[in-house]
C-alpha cells in the first residue's frame, strides 16, 4: 500500500481462476504511491494491544490525530512509544467510535517542546469503521 513492487517467482499451481505462486525472496520497490492526507484535529487514546510486562508503564496515552488517510494516521503525543508493538488507536468520527490496531512506522521528535510525532500504519479495523473513515476522508478531500 505504500509503493509499487516487482518480483520474480514461479507459479506452483493453477486451479480454475486461482493461481498459486511461491513467495518471492526479493522485492524491488518502485515508485512511491501514497494516499493523500487530510488535515484534522481529532482527540484519540492510544493503548497497548498486549500490555507490557513492566507495571510502571501507563496503560493508555492521550494524543491528537493531525493527519489522516485511509491507511495511516500521524499523531502528536507527549509520550515516547516503542516500535515493534501493536497499539490500539481509539477516536470518534461523526459520533462513530473507531478502534484500530496499528503499529508505528515512522517518528519525529521536537525536543524543545517534548513532543513526539508518530506515523501509525493501520493493521486491523472493522468494515463499518473502514466505511466511516473512507467516507469521512473522501468528504474532506473534495
N, C-alpha and C. Protein backbone atom coordinates (compact mmCIF):
# COMPACT_ATOMS: atom_id res chain seq x y z
N UNK A 1 0.78 -1.21 0.00
CA UNK A 1 0.00 0.00 0.00
C UNK A 1 0.82 1.27 0.00
N UNK A 2 2.16 1.19 -0.02
CA UNK A 2 2.98 2.40 0.03
C UNK A 2 3.76 2.64 -1.25
N UNK A 3 3.83 1.64 -2.13
CA UNK A 3 4.61 1.78 -3.36
C UNK A 3 4.24 0.65 -4.31
N UNK A 4 4.79 0.74 -5.51
CA UNK A 4 4.68 -0.35 -6.47
C UNK A 4 5.87 -1.28 -6.25
N UNK A 5 5.63 -2.57 -6.23
CA UNK A 5 6.70 -3.55 -6.04
C UNK A 5 6.72 -4.51 -7.21
N UNK A 6 7.91 -4.96 -7.58
CA UNK A 6 8.04 -6.01 -8.59
C UNK A 6 8.86 -7.14 -7.99
N UNK A 7 8.62 -8.35 -8.51
CA UNK A 7 9.36 -9.51 -8.04
C UNK A 7 9.28 -10.61 -9.09
N UNK A 8 10.19 -11.55 -8.98
CA UNK A 8 10.18 -12.75 -9.83
C UNK A 8 9.87 -13.94 -8.95
N UNK A 9 9.03 -14.84 -9.46
CA UNK A 9 8.68 -16.04 -8.72
C UNK A 9 8.19 -17.10 -9.71
N UNK A 10 7.79 -18.23 -9.18
CA UNK A 10 7.27 -19.29 -10.04
C UNK A 10 5.82 -19.61 -9.66
N UNK A 11 5.07 -20.07 -10.64
CA UNK A 11 3.70 -20.50 -10.40
C UNK A 11 3.76 -21.93 -9.90
N UNK A 12 3.13 -22.17 -8.75
CA UNK A 12 3.17 -23.52 -8.17
C UNK A 12 1.92 -24.33 -8.47
N UNK A 13 0.80 -23.63 -8.78
CA UNK A 13 -0.43 -24.36 -9.07
C UNK A 13 -1.42 -23.42 -9.75
N UNK A 14 -2.19 -23.97 -10.69
CA UNK A 14 -3.28 -23.23 -11.31
C UNK A 14 -4.53 -24.08 -11.16
N UNK A 15 -5.55 -23.49 -10.50
CA UNK A 15 -6.79 -24.21 -10.26
C UNK A 15 -7.95 -23.31 -10.64
N UNK A 16 -8.49 -23.52 -11.85
CA UNK A 16 -9.55 -22.70 -12.43
C UNK A 16 -9.12 -21.24 -12.44
N UNK A 17 -9.68 -20.38 -11.56
CA UNK A 17 -9.34 -18.97 -11.59
C UNK A 17 -8.36 -18.58 -10.48
N UNK A 18 -7.77 -19.55 -9.81
CA UNK A 18 -6.83 -19.29 -8.72
C UNK A 18 -5.43 -19.70 -9.14
N UNK A 19 -4.50 -18.78 -9.01
CA UNK A 19 -3.10 -19.06 -9.33
C UNK A 19 -2.30 -18.97 -8.04
N UNK A 20 -1.61 -20.04 -7.68
CA UNK A 20 -0.73 -20.05 -6.51
C UNK A 20 0.70 -19.77 -6.97
N UNK A 21 1.39 -18.92 -6.23
CA UNK A 21 2.79 -18.62 -6.55
C UNK A 21 3.64 -18.85 -5.31
N UNK A 22 4.92 -19.12 -5.54
CA UNK A 22 5.87 -19.24 -4.44
C UNK A 22 6.16 -17.84 -3.91
N UNK A 23 6.31 -17.72 -2.59
CA UNK A 23 6.63 -16.42 -2.00
C UNK A 23 8.03 -16.02 -2.43
N UNK A 24 8.15 -14.87 -3.09
CA UNK A 24 9.46 -14.45 -3.57
C UNK A 24 10.36 -14.00 -2.42
N UNK A 25 11.66 -14.20 -2.61
CA UNK A 25 12.62 -13.78 -1.59
C UNK A 25 13.00 -12.32 -1.74
N UNK A 26 13.04 -11.81 -2.96
CA UNK A 26 13.45 -10.43 -3.20
C UNK A 26 12.33 -9.63 -3.85
N UNK A 27 12.16 -8.43 -3.34
CA UNK A 27 11.21 -7.47 -3.92
C UNK A 27 12.00 -6.25 -4.34
N UNK A 28 11.57 -5.63 -5.41
CA UNK A 28 12.15 -4.35 -5.82
C UNK A 28 11.09 -3.29 -5.63
N UNK A 29 11.43 -2.32 -4.80
CA UNK A 29 10.48 -1.24 -4.52
C UNK A 29 10.55 -0.22 -5.64
N UNK A 30 9.40 0.07 -6.20
CA UNK A 30 9.32 1.03 -7.30
C UNK A 30 8.82 2.38 -6.85
N UNK A 31 8.06 2.99 -7.70
CA UNK A 31 7.53 4.33 -7.46
C UNK A 31 6.66 4.36 -6.19
N UNK A 32 6.89 5.38 -5.37
CA UNK A 32 6.10 5.53 -4.15
C UNK A 32 4.68 5.93 -4.49
N UNK A 33 3.73 5.28 -3.87
CA UNK A 33 2.32 5.58 -4.07
C UNK A 33 1.71 5.79 -2.70
N UNK A 34 1.36 7.01 -2.37
CA UNK A 34 0.81 7.34 -1.06
C UNK A 34 -0.60 7.87 -1.22
N UNK A 35 -1.45 7.50 -0.29
CA UNK A 35 -2.79 8.08 -0.25
C UNK A 35 -2.68 9.50 0.29
N UNK A 36 -3.50 10.42 -0.19
CA UNK A 36 -3.42 11.79 0.31
C UNK A 36 -3.90 11.89 1.75
N UNK A 37 -3.24 12.75 2.52
CA UNK A 37 -3.64 13.01 3.90
C UNK A 37 -4.63 14.15 3.94
N UNK A 38 -5.50 14.12 4.93
CA UNK A 38 -6.31 15.28 5.23
C UNK A 38 -5.84 15.82 6.57
N UNK A 39 -5.93 17.13 6.74
CA UNK A 39 -5.55 17.76 8.00
C UNK A 39 -6.76 17.74 8.92
N UNK A 40 -6.55 17.23 10.12
CA UNK A 40 -7.63 17.12 11.11
C UNK A 40 -7.08 17.46 12.49
N UNK A 41 -7.95 17.63 13.42
CA UNK A 41 -7.59 17.69 14.83
C UNK A 41 -8.62 16.81 15.54
N UNK A 42 -8.22 15.57 15.81
CA UNK A 42 -9.12 14.60 16.44
C UNK A 42 -8.43 14.05 17.68
N UNK A 43 -9.07 14.21 18.83
CA UNK A 43 -8.53 13.62 20.05
C UNK A 43 -8.61 12.11 19.95
N UNK A 44 -7.58 11.45 20.49
CA UNK A 44 -7.56 9.99 20.44
C UNK A 44 -6.91 9.44 21.71
N UNK A 45 -7.10 8.16 21.91
CA UNK A 45 -6.47 7.44 23.02
C UNK A 45 -5.67 6.29 22.42
N UNK A 46 -4.42 6.17 22.82
CA UNK A 46 -3.54 5.11 22.35
C UNK A 46 -3.32 4.16 23.52
N UNK A 47 -3.46 2.87 23.27
CA UNK A 47 -3.20 1.88 24.32
C UNK A 47 -2.54 0.66 23.69
N UNK A 48 -1.97 -0.17 24.53
CA UNK A 48 -1.30 -1.38 24.07
C UNK A 48 -2.33 -2.44 23.71
N UNK A 49 -2.08 -3.19 22.64
CA UNK A 49 -2.90 -4.35 22.34
C UNK A 49 -2.60 -5.43 23.36
N UNK A 50 -1.32 -5.65 23.64
CA UNK A 50 -0.89 -6.56 24.71
C UNK A 50 -0.11 -5.73 25.71
N UNK A 51 -0.54 -5.75 26.96
CA UNK A 51 0.12 -4.95 27.99
C UNK A 51 1.57 -5.38 28.16
N UNK A 52 2.49 -4.42 28.29
CA UNK A 52 3.89 -4.77 28.55
C UNK A 52 4.04 -5.38 29.94
N UNK A 53 5.13 -6.08 30.13
CA UNK A 53 5.39 -6.76 31.39
C UNK A 53 5.63 -5.75 32.51
N UNK A 54 6.25 -4.61 32.19
CA UNK A 54 6.56 -3.61 33.21
C UNK A 54 5.28 -2.99 33.75
N UNK A 55 5.15 -2.97 35.07
CA UNK A 55 3.94 -2.45 35.70
C UNK A 55 3.91 -0.92 35.76
N UNK A 56 5.07 -0.26 35.63
CA UNK A 56 5.09 1.19 35.75
C UNK A 56 4.73 1.89 34.44
N UNK A 57 4.46 1.16 33.39
CA UNK A 57 4.07 1.75 32.10
C UNK A 57 2.62 2.22 32.17
N UNK A 58 2.33 3.42 31.67
CA UNK A 58 0.92 3.84 31.60
C UNK A 58 0.14 2.91 30.68
N UNK A 59 -1.11 2.71 30.98
CA UNK A 59 -1.93 1.81 30.18
C UNK A 59 -2.47 2.48 28.92
N UNK A 60 -2.62 3.80 28.94
CA UNK A 60 -3.09 4.50 27.75
C UNK A 60 -2.52 5.91 27.72
N UNK A 61 -2.51 6.48 26.52
CA UNK A 61 -1.93 7.79 26.29
C UNK A 61 -2.93 8.64 25.52
N UNK A 62 -3.00 9.91 25.84
CA UNK A 62 -3.82 10.84 25.08
C UNK A 62 -3.00 11.41 23.93
N UNK A 63 -3.63 11.56 22.79
CA UNK A 63 -2.93 12.11 21.63
C UNK A 63 -3.88 12.89 20.75
N UNK A 64 -3.31 13.49 19.73
CA UNK A 64 -4.08 14.23 18.73
C UNK A 64 -3.71 13.69 17.35
N UNK A 65 -4.72 13.28 16.60
CA UNK A 65 -4.51 12.92 15.20
C UNK A 65 -4.54 14.23 14.43
N UNK A 66 -3.47 14.52 13.68
CA UNK A 66 -3.50 15.76 12.92
C UNK A 66 -3.36 15.55 11.42
N UNK A 67 -3.05 14.35 10.98
CA UNK A 67 -3.10 14.00 9.56
C UNK A 67 -3.67 12.58 9.49
N UNK A 68 -4.50 12.36 8.47
CA UNK A 68 -5.22 11.10 8.40
C UNK A 68 -5.42 10.71 6.95
N UNK A 69 -5.24 9.42 6.65
CA UNK A 69 -5.66 8.88 5.37
C UNK A 69 -6.21 7.49 5.61
N UNK A 70 -6.57 6.78 4.57
CA UNK A 70 -7.26 5.51 4.71
C UNK A 70 -6.36 4.41 5.30
N UNK A 71 -5.04 4.59 5.22
CA UNK A 71 -4.10 3.57 5.69
C UNK A 71 -3.28 3.98 6.91
N UNK A 72 -3.20 5.27 7.20
CA UNK A 72 -2.28 5.76 8.23
C UNK A 72 -2.85 6.98 8.94
N UNK A 73 -2.26 7.25 10.10
CA UNK A 73 -2.56 8.48 10.83
C UNK A 73 -1.26 8.99 11.42
N UNK A 74 -1.11 10.32 11.42
CA UNK A 74 0.03 10.94 12.08
C UNK A 74 -0.49 11.57 13.36
N UNK A 75 0.10 11.16 14.48
CA UNK A 75 -0.35 11.59 15.80
C UNK A 75 0.71 12.40 16.49
N UNK A 76 0.26 13.32 17.33
CA UNK A 76 1.15 14.09 18.19
C UNK A 76 0.89 13.64 19.63
N UNK A 77 1.96 13.27 20.32
CA UNK A 77 1.88 12.80 21.70
C UNK A 77 2.96 13.45 22.54
N UNK A 78 2.78 13.39 23.83
CA UNK A 78 3.82 13.83 24.76
C UNK A 78 4.53 12.65 25.38
N UNK A 79 4.26 11.45 24.87
CA UNK A 79 4.85 10.21 25.39
C UNK A 79 5.71 9.56 24.32
N UNK A 80 6.82 8.97 24.75
CA UNK A 80 7.67 8.21 23.83
C UNK A 80 7.13 6.78 23.75
N UNK A 81 6.91 6.31 22.53
CA UNK A 81 6.41 4.95 22.31
C UNK A 81 7.47 4.11 21.62
N UNK A 82 7.30 2.81 21.68
CA UNK A 82 8.25 1.87 21.09
C UNK A 82 7.73 1.33 19.76
N UNK A 83 8.68 1.04 18.88
CA UNK A 83 8.36 0.33 17.64
C UNK A 83 8.12 -1.14 17.97
N UNK A 84 7.70 -1.90 16.98
CA UNK A 84 7.50 -3.35 17.09
C UNK A 84 6.48 -3.74 18.14
N UNK A 85 5.57 -2.84 18.45
CA UNK A 85 4.48 -3.13 19.37
C UNK A 85 3.19 -2.71 18.68
N UNK A 86 2.16 -3.51 18.83
CA UNK A 86 0.86 -3.13 18.29
C UNK A 86 0.13 -2.27 19.30
N UNK A 87 -0.50 -1.21 18.79
CA UNK A 87 -1.26 -0.29 19.63
C UNK A 87 -2.69 -0.19 19.10
N UNK A 88 -3.62 0.06 20.02
CA UNK A 88 -4.96 0.47 19.63
C UNK A 88 -4.98 1.99 19.54
N UNK A 89 -5.64 2.51 18.53
CA UNK A 89 -5.96 3.92 18.49
C UNK A 89 -7.49 4.00 18.51
N UNK A 90 -8.00 4.75 19.49
CA UNK A 90 -9.44 4.94 19.61
C UNK A 90 -9.76 6.42 19.38
N UNK A 91 -10.75 6.66 18.52
CA UNK A 91 -11.19 8.03 18.29
C UNK A 91 -12.62 7.99 17.76
N UNK A 92 -13.18 9.17 17.58
CA UNK A 92 -14.57 9.25 17.17
C UNK A 92 -14.71 10.15 15.94
N UNK A 93 -15.47 9.68 14.97
CA UNK A 93 -15.82 10.46 13.78
C UNK A 93 -17.33 10.38 13.63
N UNK A 94 -17.96 11.55 13.53
CA UNK A 94 -19.41 11.61 13.34
C UNK A 94 -20.15 10.75 14.36
N UNK A 95 -19.73 10.81 15.59
CA UNK A 95 -20.32 10.05 16.70
C UNK A 95 -20.18 8.54 16.53
N UNK A 96 -19.29 8.11 15.65
CA UNK A 96 -19.00 6.69 15.47
C UNK A 96 -17.65 6.41 16.12
N UNK A 97 -17.62 5.50 17.07
CA UNK A 97 -16.39 5.18 17.79
C UNK A 97 -15.57 4.18 16.98
N UNK A 98 -14.33 4.56 16.72
CA UNK A 98 -13.44 3.74 15.89
C UNK A 98 -12.29 3.25 16.76
N UNK A 99 -11.97 1.97 16.61
CA UNK A 99 -10.85 1.34 17.31
C UNK A 99 -10.06 0.56 16.27
N UNK A 100 -8.78 0.95 16.09
CA UNK A 100 -7.94 0.36 15.05
C UNK A 100 -6.67 -0.22 15.66
N UNK A 101 -6.29 -1.40 15.23
CA UNK A 101 -5.00 -1.98 15.60
C UNK A 101 -3.96 -1.38 14.66
N UNK A 102 -2.88 -0.84 15.22
CA UNK A 102 -1.87 -0.15 14.43
C UNK A 102 -0.47 -0.52 14.91
N UNK A 103 0.51 -0.08 14.13
CA UNK A 103 1.89 -0.10 14.61
C UNK A 103 2.60 1.12 14.05
N UNK A 104 3.69 1.50 14.69
CA UNK A 104 4.43 2.70 14.33
C UNK A 104 5.36 2.38 13.16
N UNK A 105 5.33 3.25 12.13
CA UNK A 105 6.24 3.06 11.00
C UNK A 105 7.23 4.21 10.85
N UNK A 106 6.99 5.33 11.55
CA UNK A 106 7.92 6.46 11.47
C UNK A 106 7.70 7.36 12.68
N UNK A 107 8.74 8.14 13.02
CA UNK A 107 8.58 9.08 14.12
C UNK A 107 9.46 10.30 13.90
N UNK A 108 9.11 11.36 14.60
CA UNK A 108 9.87 12.61 14.59
C UNK A 108 9.68 13.23 15.97
N UNK A 109 10.74 13.81 16.53
CA UNK A 109 10.68 14.38 17.87
C UNK A 109 11.05 15.85 17.82
N UNK A 110 10.29 16.66 18.55
CA UNK A 110 10.65 18.06 18.76
C UNK A 110 11.06 18.17 20.23
N UNK A 111 12.37 18.15 20.47
CA UNK A 111 12.89 18.07 21.84
C UNK A 111 12.55 19.29 22.67
N UNK A 112 12.59 20.49 22.06
CA UNK A 112 12.34 21.71 22.83
C UNK A 112 10.94 21.69 23.46
N UNK A 113 9.99 21.11 22.77
CA UNK A 113 8.62 21.09 23.25
C UNK A 113 8.22 19.73 23.83
N UNK A 114 9.15 18.77 23.82
CA UNK A 114 8.90 17.42 24.31
C UNK A 114 7.67 16.79 23.62
N UNK A 115 7.61 16.96 22.29
CA UNK A 115 6.53 16.39 21.51
C UNK A 115 7.05 15.30 20.60
N UNK A 116 6.25 14.27 20.45
CA UNK A 116 6.59 13.14 19.59
C UNK A 116 5.52 13.04 18.51
N UNK A 117 5.95 12.92 17.28
CA UNK A 117 5.06 12.72 16.15
C UNK A 117 5.29 11.31 15.62
N UNK A 118 4.22 10.54 15.55
CA UNK A 118 4.33 9.16 15.09
C UNK A 118 3.39 8.93 13.91
N UNK A 119 3.88 8.18 12.94
CA UNK A 119 3.03 7.71 11.86
C UNK A 119 2.64 6.28 12.19
N UNK A 120 1.36 6.06 12.34
CA UNK A 120 0.82 4.74 12.65
C UNK A 120 0.20 4.15 11.39
N UNK A 121 0.58 2.94 11.08
CA UNK A 121 0.01 2.19 9.95
C UNK A 121 -1.16 1.37 10.48
N UNK A 122 -2.31 1.46 9.82
CA UNK A 122 -3.48 0.70 10.24
C UNK A 122 -3.30 -0.76 9.84
N UNK A 123 -3.53 -1.65 10.80
CA UNK A 123 -3.41 -3.08 10.54
C UNK A 123 -4.76 -3.78 10.50
N UNK A 124 -5.62 -3.47 11.47
CA UNK A 124 -6.92 -4.14 11.55
C UNK A 124 -7.97 -3.15 12.01
N UNK A 125 -9.10 -3.16 11.29
CA UNK A 125 -10.27 -2.40 11.73
C UNK A 125 -11.51 -3.06 11.17
N UNK A 126 -12.63 -2.81 11.79
CA UNK A 126 -13.89 -3.41 11.34
C UNK A 126 -14.30 -2.79 10.00
N UNK A 127 -15.12 -3.52 9.27
CA UNK A 127 -15.63 -3.00 7.99
C UNK A 127 -16.46 -1.72 8.18
N UNK A 128 -17.35 -1.66 9.19
CA UNK A 128 -18.08 -0.40 9.39
C UNK A 128 -17.14 0.78 9.70
N UNK A 129 -16.10 0.54 10.50
CA UNK A 129 -15.14 1.62 10.81
C UNK A 129 -14.42 2.05 9.54
N UNK A 130 -14.06 1.10 8.70
CA UNK A 130 -13.38 1.42 7.44
C UNK A 130 -14.29 2.24 6.54
N UNK A 131 -15.57 1.88 6.50
CA UNK A 131 -16.53 2.63 5.68
C UNK A 131 -16.67 4.06 6.16
N UNK A 132 -16.81 4.26 7.48
CA UNK A 132 -16.95 5.60 8.03
C UNK A 132 -15.69 6.41 7.77
N UNK A 133 -14.53 5.81 8.01
CA UNK A 133 -13.26 6.50 7.79
C UNK A 133 -13.10 6.89 6.32
N UNK A 134 -13.40 5.98 5.42
CA UNK A 134 -13.28 6.25 3.99
C UNK A 134 -14.21 7.40 3.57
N UNK A 135 -15.46 7.35 4.02
CA UNK A 135 -16.43 8.39 3.68
C UNK A 135 -15.97 9.74 4.25
N UNK A 136 -15.49 9.75 5.48
CA UNK A 136 -15.02 10.98 6.12
C UNK A 136 -13.85 11.59 5.33
N UNK A 137 -12.91 10.76 4.94
CA UNK A 137 -11.74 11.24 4.20
C UNK A 137 -12.15 11.75 2.82
N UNK A 138 -12.98 11.00 2.13
CA UNK A 138 -13.40 11.42 0.79
C UNK A 138 -14.18 12.75 0.85
N UNK A 139 -14.99 12.92 1.89
CA UNK A 139 -15.74 14.16 2.02
C UNK A 139 -14.81 15.35 2.27
N UNK A 140 -13.73 15.12 3.01
CA UNK A 140 -12.81 16.21 3.34
C UNK A 140 -11.75 16.46 2.26
N UNK A 141 -11.62 15.55 1.30
CA UNK A 141 -10.70 15.77 0.19
C UNK A 141 -11.31 16.68 -0.87
N UNK A 142 -12.63 16.68 -0.95
CA UNK A 142 -13.28 17.47 -2.01
C UNK A 142 -13.56 18.90 -1.59
